[in-house]
């Protein structure tokens, strides 16, 4: 019960919960459509030209890497949040370190 009460006061855990909600919505409602669009465009390009577009492949790889990092963070497989949330968390950790040094 004591751990539960301490977790209620843990702002970094609450912040992670907000990030999980944002990443979940963005991944499900936005990035899944982007991946489908990339796949469709690449299929058409491959059908017409005989080979996929390298730039679109690179963009697709970047998107899937971001989705992977998001999923790892949301499932607690990683403590490193994807961009742009990595900067927010770093700033929070820096403030905590700074305030700890002052005490």
C-alpha atoms as a PDB file:
ATOM      1  CA  UNK A   1       0.000   0.000   0.000  1.00  0.00           C
ATOM      2  CA  UNK A   2       2.915   2.347   0.700  1.00  0.00           C
ATOM      3  CA  UNK A   3       4.314   1.799  -2.821  1.00  0.00           C
ATOM      4  CA  UNK A   4       0.906   2.647  -4.267  1.00  0.00           C
ATOM      5  CA  UNK A   5       0.759   5.918  -2.341  1.00  0.00           C
ATOM      6  CA  UNK A   6       4.288   6.802  -3.449  1.00  0.00           C
ATOM      7  CA  UNK A   7       3.407   6.029  -7.070  1.00  0.00           C
ATOM      8  CA  UNK A   8       0.434   8.391  -6.850  1.00  0.00           C
ATOM      9  CA  UNK A   9       2.894  11.204  -6.106  1.00  0.00           C
ATOM     10  CA  UNK A  10       5.375  10.167  -8.822  1.00  0.00           C
ATOM     11  CA  UNK A  11       5.076  12.909 -11.456  1.00  0.00           C
ATOM     12  CA  UNK A  12       7.343  11.115 -13.935  1.00  0.00           C
ATOM     13  CA  UNK A  13       4.945   8.158 -13.921  1.00  0.00           C
ATOM     14  CA  UNK A  14       1.975  10.464 -14.550  1.00  0.00           C
ATOM     15  CA  UNK A  15       3.914  12.178 -17.336  1.00  0.00           C
ATOM     16  CA  UNK A  16       4.670   8.796 -18.886  1.00  0.00           C
ATOM     17  CA  UNK A  17       0.958   7.991 -18.751  1.00  0.00           C
ATOM     18  CA  UNK A  18       0.185  11.168 -20.704  1.00  0.00           C
ATOM     19  CA  UNK A  19       2.882  10.283 -23.247  1.00  0.00           C
ATOM     20  CA  UNK A  20       1.444   6.780 -23.600  1.00  0.00           C
ATOM     21  CA  UNK A  21      -1.995   8.206 -24.386  1.00  0.00           C
ATOM     22  CA  UNK A  22      -0.615  10.660 -26.934  1.00  0.00           C
ATOM     23  CA  UNK A  23       1.634   8.072 -28.598  1.00  0.00           C
ATOM     24  CA  UNK A  24      -1.137   5.490 -28.682  1.00  0.00           C
ATOM     25  CA  UNK A  25      -3.568   7.843 -30.383  1.00  0.00           C
ATOM     26  CA  UNK A  26      -0.929   9.147 -32.800  1.00  0.00           C
ATOM     27  CA  UNK A  27       0.253   5.659 -33.697  1.00  0.00           C
ATOM     28  CA  UNK A  28      -3.200   4.185 -34.162  1.00  0.00           C
ATOM     29  CA  UNK A  29      -4.983   7.054 -35.874  1.00  0.00           C
ATOM     30  CA  UNK A  30      -2.188   8.772 -37.776  1.00  0.00           C
ATOM     31  CA  UNK A  31       0.898   6.672 -38.348  1.00  0.00           C
ATOM     32  CA  UNK A  32      -0.978   3.526 -39.362  1.00  0.00           C
ATOM     33  CA  UNK A  33      -2.526   5.452 -42.248  1.00  0.00           C
ATOM     34  CA  UNK A  34       0.853   6.903 -43.197  1.00  0.00           C
ATOM     35  CA  UNK A  35       2.381   3.412 -43.307  1.00  0.00           C
ATOM     36  CA  UNK A  36      -0.505   2.152 -45.447  1.00  0.00           C
ATOM     37  CA  UNK A  37      -0.133   5.121 -47.809  1.00  0.00           C
ATOM     38  CA  UNK A  38       3.624   4.514 -48.116  1.00  0.00           C
ATOM     39  CA  UNK A  39       3.017   0.833 -48.844  1.00  0.00           C
ATOM     40  CA  UNK A  40       0.408   1.638 -51.486  1.00  0.00           C
ATOM     41  CA  UNK A  41       2.571   4.278 -53.189  1.00  0.00           C
ATOM     42  CA  UNK A  42       5.581   1.966 -53.169  1.00  0.00           C
ATOM     43  CA  UNK A  43       3.471  -0.809 -54.689  1.00  0.00           C
ATOM     44  CA  UNK A  44       2.324   1.467 -57.507  1.00  0.00           C
ATOM     45  CA  UNK A  45       5.883   2.716 -58.127  1.00  0.00           C
ATOM     46  CA  UNK A  46       7.223  -0.849 -58.140  1.00  0.00           C
ATOM     47  CA  UNK A  47       4.440  -1.898 -60.517  1.00  0.00           C
ATOM     48  CA  UNK A  48       5.078   0.981 -62.930  1.00  0.00           C
ATOM     49  CA  UNK A  49       8.860   1.468 -62.732  1.00  0.00           C
ATOM     50  CA  UNK A  50      10.020  -2.014 -61.721  1.00  0.00           C
ATOM     51  CA  UNK A  51      11.763  -0.916 -58.501  1.00  0.00           C
ATOM     52  CA  UNK A  52      10.676   0.910 -55.340  1.00  0.00           C
ATOM     53  CA  UNK A  53      11.592   4.523 -54.681  1.00  0.00           C
ATOM     54  CA  UNK A  54      14.643   4.764 -52.405  1.00  0.00           C
ATOM     55  CA  UNK A  55      13.550   7.996 -50.734  1.00  0.00           C
ATOM     56  CA  UNK A  56      10.114   6.662 -49.880  1.00  0.00           C
ATOM     57  CA  UNK A  57      11.750   3.472 -48.562  1.00  0.00           C
ATOM     58  CA  UNK A  58      13.978   5.557 -46.289  1.00  0.00           C
ATOM     59  CA  UNK A  59      10.979   7.534 -45.044  1.00  0.00           C
ATOM     60  CA  UNK A  60       9.071   4.300 -44.453  1.00  0.00           C
ATOM     61  CA  UNK A  61      12.000   2.926 -42.480  1.00  0.00           C
ATOM     62  CA  UNK A  62      12.107   6.068 -40.327  1.00  0.00           C
ATOM     63  CA  UNK A  63       8.365   5.841 -39.651  1.00  0.00           C
ATOM     64  CA  UNK A  64       8.541   2.166 -38.678  1.00  0.00           C
ATOM     65  CA  UNK A  65      11.534   2.868 -36.400  1.00  0.00           C
ATOM     66  CA  UNK A  66       9.531   5.607 -34.682  1.00  0.00           C
ATOM     67  CA  UNK A  67       6.553   3.286 -34.257  1.00  0.00           C
ATOM     68  CA  UNK A  68       8.846   0.602 -32.807  1.00  0.00           C
ATOM     69  CA  UNK A  69      10.368   3.062 -30.329  1.00  0.00           C
ATOM     70  CA  UNK A  70       6.894   4.269 -29.388  1.00  0.00           C
ATOM     71  CA  UNK A  71       5.642   0.739 -28.777  1.00  0.00           C
ATOM     72  CA  UNK A  72       8.706  -0.148 -26.700  1.00  0.00           C
ATOM     73  CA  UNK A  73       8.172   2.945 -24.560  1.00  0.00           C
ATOM     74  CA  UNK A  74       4.437   2.356 -24.160  1.00  0.00           C
ATOM     75  CA  UNK A  75       4.929  -1.271 -23.098  1.00  0.00           C
ATOM     76  CA  UNK A  76       7.743  -0.365 -20.656  1.00  0.00           C
ATOM     77  CA  UNK A  77      10.267  -2.351 -22.694  1.00  0.00           C
ATOM     78  CA  UNK A  78      12.305   0.863 -22.870  1.00  0.00           C
ATOM     79  CA  UNK A  79      12.602   3.944 -20.671  1.00  0.00           C
ATOM     80  CA  UNK A  80      13.690   6.145 -23.586  1.00  0.00           C
ATOM     81  CA  UNK A  81      10.718   8.017 -25.041  1.00  0.00           C
ATOM     82  CA  UNK A  82      10.640   8.796 -28.755  1.00  0.00           C
ATOM     83  CA  UNK A  83      10.990  12.348 -30.062  1.00  0.00           C
ATOM     84  CA  UNK A  84       9.741  14.972 -29.189  1.00  0.00           C
ATOM     85  CA  UNK A  85       9.042  13.564 -25.717  1.00  0.00           C
ATOM     86  CA  UNK A  86      12.692  12.720 -25.118  1.00  0.00           C
ATOM     87  CA  UNK A  87      13.486  16.421 -24.684  1.00  0.00           C
ATOM     88  CA  UNK A  88      10.681  16.949 -22.163  1.00  0.00           C
ATOM     89  CA  UNK A  89      11.771  14.028 -20.015  1.00  0.00           C
ATOM     90  CA  UNK A  90      15.404  15.114 -20.153  1.00  0.00           C
ATOM     91  CA  UNK A  91      14.431  18.589 -18.988  1.00  0.00           C
ATOM     92  CA  UNK A  92      12.452  17.091 -16.100  1.00  0.00           C
ATOM     93  CA  UNK A  93      15.425  14.916 -15.084  1.00  0.00           C
ATOM     94  CA  UNK A  94      17.768  17.915 -15.278  1.00  0.00           C
ATOM     95  CA  UNK A  95      15.472  19.934 -13.010  1.00  0.00           C
ATOM     96  CA  UNK A  96      15.329  17.059 -10.527  1.00  0.00           C
ATOM     97  CA  UNK A  97      19.135  16.782 -10.508  1.00  0.00           C
ATOM     98  CA  UNK A  98      19.519  20.547 -10.114  1.00  0.00           C
ATOM     99  CA  UNK A  99      17.061  20.726  -7.221  1.00  0.00           C
ATOM    100  CA  UNK A 100      18.740  17.721  -5.547  1.00  0.00           C
ATOM    101  CA  UNK A 101      22.129  19.481  -5.723  1.00  0.00           C
ATOM    102  CA  UNK A 102      20.702  22.633  -4.108  1.00  0.00           C
ATOM    103  CA  UNK A 103      19.343  20.664  -1.116  1.00  0.00           C
END
